[in-house]
């Protein structure tokens, strides 16, 4: 029971959640690019690049970012 609570509190699993007009990224390492047509994020798995239009930073926390815009393509580069 305690290990489940600890896992919940110390959750460090990378997550990318696609919503209708925005994307939520949790537990990333670094934002490499944040431009109008391209967003690139470094994760523990590699690099993820979002391509589209109208990207706008909506929310930024320590390990969580919410980006609005129209996503046309997602490129994943595993390391």
PDB file of N, CA and C in Angstrom:
ATOM      1  N   UNK A   1       0.823  -1.194   0.000  1.00  0.00           N
ATOM      2  CA  UNK A   1       0.000   0.000   0.000  1.00  0.00           C
ATOM      3  C   UNK A   1       0.866   1.255   0.000  1.00  0.00           C
ATOM      4  N   UNK A   2       1.865   1.290   0.883  1.00  0.00           N
ATOM      5  CA  UNK A   2       2.727   2.465   0.967  1.00  0.00           C
ATOM      6  C   UNK A   2       3.549   2.655  -0.298  1.00  0.00           C
ATOM      7  N   UNK A   3       3.943   1.554  -0.938  1.00  0.00           N
ATOM      8  CA  UNK A   3       4.726   1.694  -2.172  1.00  0.00           C
ATOM      9  C   UNK A   3       3.886   2.308  -3.292  1.00  0.00           C
ATOM     10  N   UNK A   4       2.585   2.012  -3.327  1.00  0.00           N
ATOM     11  CA  UNK A   4       1.708   2.617  -4.337  1.00  0.00           C
ATOM     12  C   UNK A   4       1.552   4.114  -4.102  1.00  0.00           C
ATOM     13  N   UNK A   5       1.457   4.516  -2.856  1.00  0.00           N
ATOM     14  CA  UNK A   5       1.360   5.940  -2.526  1.00  0.00           C
ATOM     15  C   UNK A   5       2.669   6.635  -2.892  1.00  0.00           C
ATOM     16  N   UNK A   6       3.788   6.005  -2.579  1.00  0.00           N
ATOM     17  CA  UNK A   6       5.099   6.562  -2.921  1.00  0.00           C
ATOM     18  C   UNK A   6       5.248   6.697  -4.440  1.00  0.00           C
ATOM     19  N   UNK A   7       4.848   5.684  -5.196  1.00  0.00           N
ATOM     20  CA  UNK A   7       4.920   5.742  -6.658  1.00  0.00           C
ATOM     21  C   UNK A   7       4.059   6.873  -7.212  1.00  0.00           C
ATOM     22  N   UNK A   8       2.905   7.089  -6.617  1.00  0.00           N
ATOM     23  CA  UNK A   8       2.016   8.165  -7.059  1.00  0.00           C
ATOM     24  C   UNK A   8       2.636   9.536  -6.793  1.00  0.00           C
ATOM     25  N   UNK A   9       3.188   9.702  -5.616  1.00  0.00           N
ATOM     26  CA  UNK A   9       3.767  10.990  -5.234  1.00  0.00           C
ATOM     27  C   UNK A   9       5.053  11.262  -6.002  1.00  0.00           C
ATOM     28  N   UNK A  10       5.889  10.265  -6.161  1.00  0.00           N
ATOM     29  CA  UNK A  10       7.177  10.418  -6.833  1.00  0.00           C
ATOM     30  C   UNK A  10       7.116   9.993  -8.297  1.00  0.00           C
ATOM     31  N   UNK A  11       6.018  10.171  -8.934  1.00  0.00           N
ATOM     32  CA  UNK A  11       5.821   9.771 -10.330  1.00  0.00           C
ATOM     33  C   UNK A  11       6.797  10.528 -11.221  1.00  0.00           C
ATOM     34  N   UNK A  12       7.698   9.795 -11.881  1.00  0.00           N
ATOM     35  CA  UNK A  12       8.655  10.421 -12.777  1.00  0.00           C
ATOM     36  C   UNK A  12       8.583   9.841 -14.190  1.00  0.00           C
ATOM     37  N   UNK A  13       7.482   9.179 -14.504  1.00  0.00           N
ATOM     38  CA  UNK A  13       7.262   8.589 -15.824  1.00  0.00           C
ATOM     39  C   UNK A  13       6.938   9.693 -16.838  1.00  0.00           C
ATOM     40  N   UNK A  14       7.619   9.664 -17.980  1.00  0.00           N
ATOM     41  CA  UNK A  14       7.341  10.631 -19.036  1.00  0.00           C
ATOM     42  C   UNK A  14       5.948  10.381 -19.615  1.00  0.00           C
ATOM     43  N   UNK A  15       5.207  11.464 -19.855  1.00  0.00           N
ATOM     44  CA  UNK A  15       3.873  11.375 -20.455  1.00  0.00           C
ATOM     45  C   UNK A  15       3.674  12.487 -21.460  1.00  0.00           C
ATOM     46  N   UNK A  16       3.074  12.163 -22.577  1.00  0.00           N
ATOM     47  CA  UNK A  16       2.652  13.138 -23.581  1.00  0.00           C
ATOM     48  C   UNK A  16       1.170  12.892 -23.817  1.00  0.00           C
ATOM     49  N   UNK A  17       0.346  13.884 -23.491  1.00  0.00           N
ATOM     50  CA  UNK A  17      -1.105  13.745 -23.589  1.00  0.00           C
ATOM     51  C   UNK A  17      -1.597  14.699 -24.665  1.00  0.00           C
ATOM     52  N   UNK A  18      -2.200  14.141 -25.712  1.00  0.00           N
ATOM     53  CA  UNK A  18      -2.749  14.954 -26.795  1.00  0.00           C
ATOM     54  C   UNK A  18      -4.198  15.293 -26.497  1.00  0.00           C
ATOM     55  N   UNK A  19      -4.506  16.569 -26.513  1.00  0.00           N
ATOM     56  CA  UNK A  19      -5.869  17.052 -26.335  1.00  0.00           C
ATOM     57  C   UNK A  19      -6.314  17.676 -27.657  1.00  0.00           C
ATOM     58  N   UNK A  20      -7.515  18.186 -27.734  1.00  0.00           N
ATOM     59  CA  UNK A  20      -8.059  18.679 -28.997  1.00  0.00           C
ATOM     60  C   UNK A  20      -7.194  19.768 -29.639  1.00  0.00           C
ATOM     61  N   UNK A  21      -6.815  20.772 -28.881  1.00  0.00           N
ATOM     62  CA  UNK A  21      -6.038  21.876 -29.461  1.00  0.00           C
ATOM     63  C   UNK A  21      -4.812  22.223 -28.625  1.00  0.00           C
ATOM     64  N   UNK A  22      -4.320  21.246 -27.871  1.00  0.00           N
ATOM     65  CA  UNK A  22      -3.133  21.470 -27.063  1.00  0.00           C
ATOM     66  C   UNK A  22      -2.511  20.125 -26.683  1.00  0.00           C
ATOM     67  N   UNK A  23      -1.310  20.201 -26.135  1.00  0.00           N
ATOM     68  CA  UNK A  23      -0.599  19.000 -25.715  1.00  0.00           C
ATOM     69  C   UNK A  23      -0.026  19.243 -24.317  1.00  0.00           C
ATOM     70  N   UNK A  24      -0.143  18.245 -23.464  1.00  0.00           N
ATOM     71  CA  UNK A  24       0.403  18.289 -22.110  1.00  0.00           C
ATOM     72  C   UNK A  24       1.592  17.334 -22.073  1.00  0.00           C
ATOM     73  N   UNK A  25       2.739  17.849 -21.636  1.00  0.00           N
ATOM     74  CA  UNK A  25       3.945  17.032 -21.538  1.00  0.00           C
ATOM     75  C   UNK A  25       4.408  17.066 -20.080  1.00  0.00           C
ATOM     76  N   UNK A  26       4.574  15.873 -19.506  1.00  0.00           N
ATOM     77  CA  UNK A  26       4.920  15.747 -18.092  1.00  0.00           C
ATOM     78  C   UNK A  26       6.222  14.957 -17.962  1.00  0.00           C
ATOM     79  N   UNK A  27       7.071  15.383 -17.033  1.00  0.00           N
ATOM     80  CA  UNK A  27       8.333  14.720 -16.709  1.00  0.00           C
ATOM     81  C   UNK A  27       9.313  14.693 -17.883  1.00  0.00           C
ATOM     82  N   UNK A  28       9.513  15.846 -18.473  1.00  0.00           N
ATOM     83  CA  UNK A  28      10.512  15.991 -19.532  1.00  0.00           C
ATOM     84  C   UNK A  28      11.805  16.504 -18.913  1.00  0.00           C
ATOM     85  N   UNK A  29      12.904  16.429 -19.669  1.00  0.00           N
ATOM     86  CA  UNK A  29      14.190  16.915 -19.168  1.00  0.00           C
ATOM     87  C   UNK A  29      14.437  18.374 -19.523  1.00  0.00           C
ATOM     88  N   UNK A  30      14.155  18.740 -20.778  1.00  0.00           N
ATOM     89  CA  UNK A  30      14.509  20.079 -21.229  1.00  0.00           C
ATOM     90  C   UNK A  30      13.701  20.458 -22.470  1.00  0.00           C
ATOM     91  N   UNK A  31      13.330  21.726 -22.569  1.00  0.00           N
ATOM     92  CA  UNK A  31      12.711  22.248 -23.784  1.00  0.00           C
ATOM     93  C   UNK A  31      13.847  22.729 -24.687  1.00  0.00           C
ATOM     94  N   UNK A  32      13.985  22.120 -25.856  1.00  0.00           N
ATOM     95  CA  UNK A  32      15.057  22.484 -26.772  1.00  0.00           C
ATOM     96  C   UNK A  32      14.661  23.653 -27.668  1.00  0.00           C
ATOM     97  N   UNK A  33      13.460  23.608 -28.226  1.00  0.00           N
ATOM     98  CA  UNK A  33      12.937  24.670 -29.083  1.00  0.00           C
ATOM     99  C   UNK A  33      11.492  24.929 -28.718  1.00  0.00           C
ATOM    100  N   UNK A  34      11.094  26.174 -28.780  1.00  0.00           N
ATOM    101  CA  UNK A  34       9.691  26.544 -28.612  1.00  0.00           C
ATOM    102  C   UNK A  34       9.426  27.683 -29.584  1.00  0.00           C
ATOM    103  N   UNK A  35       8.979  27.303 -30.770  1.00  0.00           N
ATOM    104  CA  UNK A  35       8.729  28.257 -31.843  1.00  0.00           C
ATOM    105  C   UNK A  35       7.275  28.151 -32.273  1.00  0.00           C
ATOM    106  N   UNK A  36       6.854  29.051 -33.130  1.00  0.00           N
ATOM    107  CA  UNK A  36       5.474  29.085 -33.612  1.00  0.00           C
ATOM    108  C   UNK A  36       5.084  27.805 -34.355  1.00  0.00           C
ATOM    109  N   UNK A  37       6.028  27.204 -35.083  1.00  0.00           N
ATOM    110  CA  UNK A  37       5.713  26.026 -35.905  1.00  0.00           C
ATOM    111  C   UNK A  37       6.405  24.750 -35.451  1.00  0.00           C
ATOM    112  N   UNK A  38       7.234  24.854 -34.409  1.00  0.00           N
ATOM    113  CA  UNK A  38       7.976  23.670 -33.966  1.00  0.00           C
ATOM    114  C   UNK A  38       8.273  23.758 -32.472  1.00  0.00           C
ATOM    115  N   UNK A  39       8.083  22.623 -31.796  1.00  0.00           N
ATOM    116  CA  UNK A  39       8.431  22.475 -30.385  1.00  0.00           C
ATOM    117  C   UNK A  39       9.240  21.192 -30.262  1.00  0.00           C
ATOM    118  N   UNK A  40      10.378  21.276 -29.607  1.00  0.00           N
ATOM    119  CA  UNK A  40      11.227  20.105 -29.431  1.00  0.00           C
ATOM    120  C   UNK A  40      11.535  19.941 -27.949  1.00  0.00           C
ATOM    121  N   UNK A  41      11.327  18.725 -27.450  1.00  0.00           N
ATOM    122  CA  UNK A  41      11.470  18.413 -26.023  1.00  0.00           C
ATOM    123  C   UNK A  41      12.437  17.246 -25.866  1.00  0.00           C
ATOM    124  N   UNK A  42      13.362  17.351 -24.918  1.00  0.00           N
ATOM    125  CA  UNK A  42      14.252  16.253 -24.586  1.00  0.00           C
ATOM    126  C   UNK A  42      13.636  15.473 -23.437  1.00  0.00           C
ATOM    127  N   UNK A  43      13.558  14.157 -23.591  1.00  0.00           N
ATOM    128  CA  UNK A  43      12.983  13.287 -22.572  1.00  0.00           C
ATOM    129  C   UNK A  43      14.005  12.231 -22.176  1.00  0.00           C
ATOM    130  N   UNK A  44      13.649  11.392 -21.248  1.00  0.00           N
ATOM    131  CA  UNK A  44      14.531  10.296 -20.857  1.00  0.00           C
ATOM    132  C   UNK A  44      14.622   9.233 -21.953  1.00  0.00           C
ATOM    133  N   UNK A  45      13.693   9.237 -22.909  1.00  0.00           N
ATOM    134  CA  UNK A  45      13.687   8.287 -24.009  1.00  0.00           C
ATOM    135  C   UNK A  45      14.399   8.811 -25.246  1.00  0.00           C
ATOM    136  N   UNK A  46      14.505  10.109 -25.385  1.00  0.00           N
ATOM    137  CA  UNK A  46      15.084  10.720 -26.565  1.00  0.00           C
ATOM    138  C   UNK A  46      14.477  12.089 -26.796  1.00  0.00           C
ATOM    139  N   UNK A  47      14.391  12.484 -28.073  1.00  0.00           N
ATOM    140  CA  UNK A  47      13.869  13.802 -28.423  1.00  0.00           C
ATOM    141  C   UNK A  47      12.518  13.658 -29.123  1.00  0.00           C
ATOM    142  N   UNK A  48      11.576  14.518 -28.745  1.00  0.00           N
ATOM    143  CA  UNK A  48      10.257  14.553 -29.374  1.00  0.00           C
ATOM    144  C   UNK A  48      10.077  15.934 -29.987  1.00  0.00           C
ATOM    145  N   UNK A  49       9.690  15.962 -31.268  1.00  0.00           N
ATOM    146  CA  UNK A  49       9.470  17.220 -31.957  1.00  0.00           C
ATOM    147  C   UNK A  49       8.031  17.273 -32.446  1.00  0.00           C
ATOM    148  N   UNK A  50       7.327  18.338 -32.072  1.00  0.00           N
ATOM    149  CA  UNK A  50       5.971  18.575 -32.528  1.00  0.00           C
ATOM    150  C   UNK A  50       6.037  19.590 -33.662  1.00  0.00           C
ATOM    151  N   UNK A  51       5.392  19.306 -34.769  1.00  0.00           N
ATOM    152  CA  UNK A  51       5.337  20.227 -35.898  1.00  0.00           C
ATOM    153  C   UNK A  51       3.877  20.611 -36.124  1.00  0.00           C
ATOM    154  N   UNK A  52       3.640  21.879 -36.433  1.00  0.00           N
ATOM    155  CA  UNK A  52       2.282  22.357 -36.648  1.00  0.00           C
ATOM    156  C   UNK A  52       2.272  23.865 -36.775  1.00  0.00           C
ATOM    157  N   UNK A  53       1.199  24.484 -36.293  1.00  0.00           N
ATOM    158  CA  UNK A  53       1.070  25.942 -36.392  1.00  0.00           C
ATOM    159  C   UNK A  53       0.490  26.502 -35.094  1.00  0.00           C
ATOM    160  N   UNK A  54       0.839  27.745 -34.837  1.00  0.00           N
ATOM    161  CA  UNK A  54       0.242  28.478 -33.728  1.00  0.00           C
ATOM    162  C   UNK A  54       0.597  27.987 -32.344  1.00  0.00           C
ATOM    163  N   UNK A  55       1.789  27.394 -32.172  1.00  0.00           N
ATOM    164  CA  UNK A  55       2.174  26.913 -30.846  1.00  0.00           C
ATOM    165  C   UNK A  55       2.361  28.085 -29.891  1.00  0.00           C
ATOM    166  N   UNK A  56       1.808  27.924 -28.704  1.00  0.00           N
ATOM    167  CA  UNK A  56       1.851  28.966 -27.687  1.00  0.00           C
ATOM    168  C   UNK A  56       1.959  28.299 -26.316  1.00  0.00           C
ATOM    169  N   UNK A  57       2.899  28.731 -25.526  1.00  0.00           N
ATOM    170  CA  UNK A  57       3.088  28.189 -24.195  1.00  0.00           C
ATOM    171  C   UNK A  57       1.944  28.654 -23.299  1.00  0.00           C
ATOM    172  N   UNK A  58       1.164  27.701 -22.776  1.00  0.00           N
ATOM    173  CA  UNK A  58       0.026  28.034 -21.927  1.00  0.00           C
ATOM    174  C   UNK A  58       0.352  27.912 -20.449  1.00  0.00           C
ATOM    175  N   UNK A  59       1.179  26.912 -20.105  1.00  0.00           N
ATOM    176  CA  UNK A  59       1.481  26.656 -18.692  1.00  0.00           C
ATOM    177  C   UNK A  59       2.862  26.019 -18.616  1.00  0.00           C
ATOM    178  N   UNK A  60       3.671  26.501 -17.695  1.00  0.00           N
ATOM    179  CA  UNK A  60       5.007  25.938 -17.516  1.00  0.00           C
ATOM    180  C   UNK A  60       5.290  25.762 -16.036  1.00  0.00           C
ATOM    181  N   UNK A  61       5.507  24.516 -15.635  1.00  0.00           N
ATOM    182  CA  UNK A  61       5.913  24.194 -14.275  1.00  0.00           C
ATOM    183  C   UNK A  61       7.269  23.504 -14.344  1.00  0.00           C
ATOM    184  N   UNK A  62       7.766  23.043 -13.224  1.00  0.00           N
ATOM    185  CA  UNK A  62       9.098  22.454 -13.177  1.00  0.00           C
ATOM    186  C   UNK A  62       9.274  21.314 -14.173  1.00  0.00           C
ATOM    187  N   UNK A  63       8.363  20.360 -14.194  1.00  0.00           N
ATOM    188  CA  UNK A  63       8.465  19.210 -15.099  1.00  0.00           C
ATOM    189  C   UNK A  63       7.175  19.001 -15.879  1.00  0.00           C
ATOM    190  N   UNK A  64       6.436  20.065 -16.096  1.00  0.00           N
ATOM    191  CA  UNK A  64       5.152  19.971 -16.795  1.00  0.00           C
ATOM    192  C   UNK A  64       4.970  21.201 -17.673  1.00  0.00           C
ATOM    193  N   UNK A  65       4.554  20.971 -18.915  1.00  0.00           N
ATOM    194  CA  UNK A  65       4.319  22.076 -19.839  1.00  0.00           C
ATOM    195  C   UNK A  65       3.025  21.799 -20.615  1.00  0.00           C
ATOM    196  N   UNK A  66       2.243  22.855 -20.820  1.00  0.00           N
ATOM    197  CA  UNK A  66       1.016  22.783 -21.609  1.00  0.00           C
ATOM    198  C   UNK A  66       1.183  23.746 -22.781  1.00  0.00           C
ATOM    199  N   UNK A  67       1.070  23.217 -23.992  1.00  0.00           N
ATOM    200  CA  UNK A  67       1.299  24.003 -25.201  1.00  0.00           C
ATOM    201  C   UNK A  67       0.051  23.944 -26.068  1.00  0.00           C
ATOM    202  N   UNK A  68      -0.457  25.118 -26.433  1.00  0.00           N
ATOM    203  CA  UNK A  68      -1.608  25.194 -27.319  1.00  0.00           C
ATOM    204  C   UNK A  68      -1.156  25.312 -28.761  1.00  0.00           C
ATOM    205  N   UNK A  69      -2.014  24.911 -29.686  1.00  0.00           N
ATOM    206  CA  UNK A  69      -1.702  25.013 -31.108  1.00  0.00           C
ATOM    207  C   UNK A  69      -2.274  23.843 -31.882  1.00  0.00           C
ATOM    208  N   UNK A  70      -2.019  23.847 -33.177  1.00  0.00           N
ATOM    209  CA  UNK A  70      -2.504  22.790 -34.074  1.00  0.00           C
ATOM    210  C   UNK A  70      -1.353  21.860 -34.421  1.00  0.00           C
ATOM    211  N   UNK A  71      -1.409  20.643 -33.948  1.00  0.00           N
ATOM    212  CA  UNK A  71      -0.352  19.664 -34.182  1.00  0.00           C
ATOM    213  C   UNK A  71      -0.636  18.935 -35.496  1.00  0.00           C
ATOM    214  N   UNK A  72       0.344  18.945 -36.390  1.00  0.00           N
ATOM    215  CA  UNK A  72       0.225  18.245 -37.667  1.00  0.00           C
ATOM    216  C   UNK A  72       1.038  16.956 -37.686  1.00  0.00           C
ATOM    217  N   UNK A  73       2.150  16.960 -36.921  1.00  0.00           N
ATOM    218  CA  UNK A  73       3.037  15.797 -36.953  1.00  0.00           C
ATOM    219  C   UNK A  73       3.830  15.723 -35.645  1.00  0.00           C
ATOM    220  N   UNK A  74       4.125  14.497 -35.218  1.00  0.00           N
ATOM    221  CA  UNK A  74       4.973  14.264 -34.054  1.00  0.00           C
ATOM    222  C   UNK A  74       6.106  13.350 -34.496  1.00  0.00           C
ATOM    223  N   UNK A  75       7.354  13.832 -34.312  1.00  0.00           N
ATOM    224  CA  UNK A  75       8.535  13.046 -34.635  1.00  0.00           C
ATOM    225  C   UNK A  75       9.193  12.608 -33.337  1.00  0.00           C
ATOM    226  N   UNK A  76       9.559  11.323 -33.260  1.00  0.00           N
ATOM    227  CA  UNK A  76      10.206  10.770 -32.068  1.00  0.00           C
ATOM    228  C   UNK A  76      11.559  10.208 -32.469  1.00  0.00           C
ATOM    229  N   UNK A  77      12.602  10.650 -31.790  1.00  0.00           N
ATOM    230  CA  UNK A  77      13.964  10.204 -32.025  1.00  0.00           C
ATOM    231  C   UNK A  77      14.452   9.520 -30.753  1.00  0.00           C
ATOM    232  N   UNK A  78      14.498   8.188 -30.761  1.00  0.00           N
ATOM    233  CA  UNK A  78      14.947   7.441 -29.582  1.00  0.00           C
ATOM    234  C   UNK A  78      16.459   7.470 -29.481  1.00  0.00           C
ATOM    235  N   UNK A  79      16.963   7.538 -28.261  1.00  0.00           N
ATOM    236  CA  UNK A  79      18.414   7.522 -28.033  1.00  0.00           C
ATOM    237  C   UNK A  79      18.838   6.165 -27.539  1.00  0.00           C
TER     238      UNK A  79
END
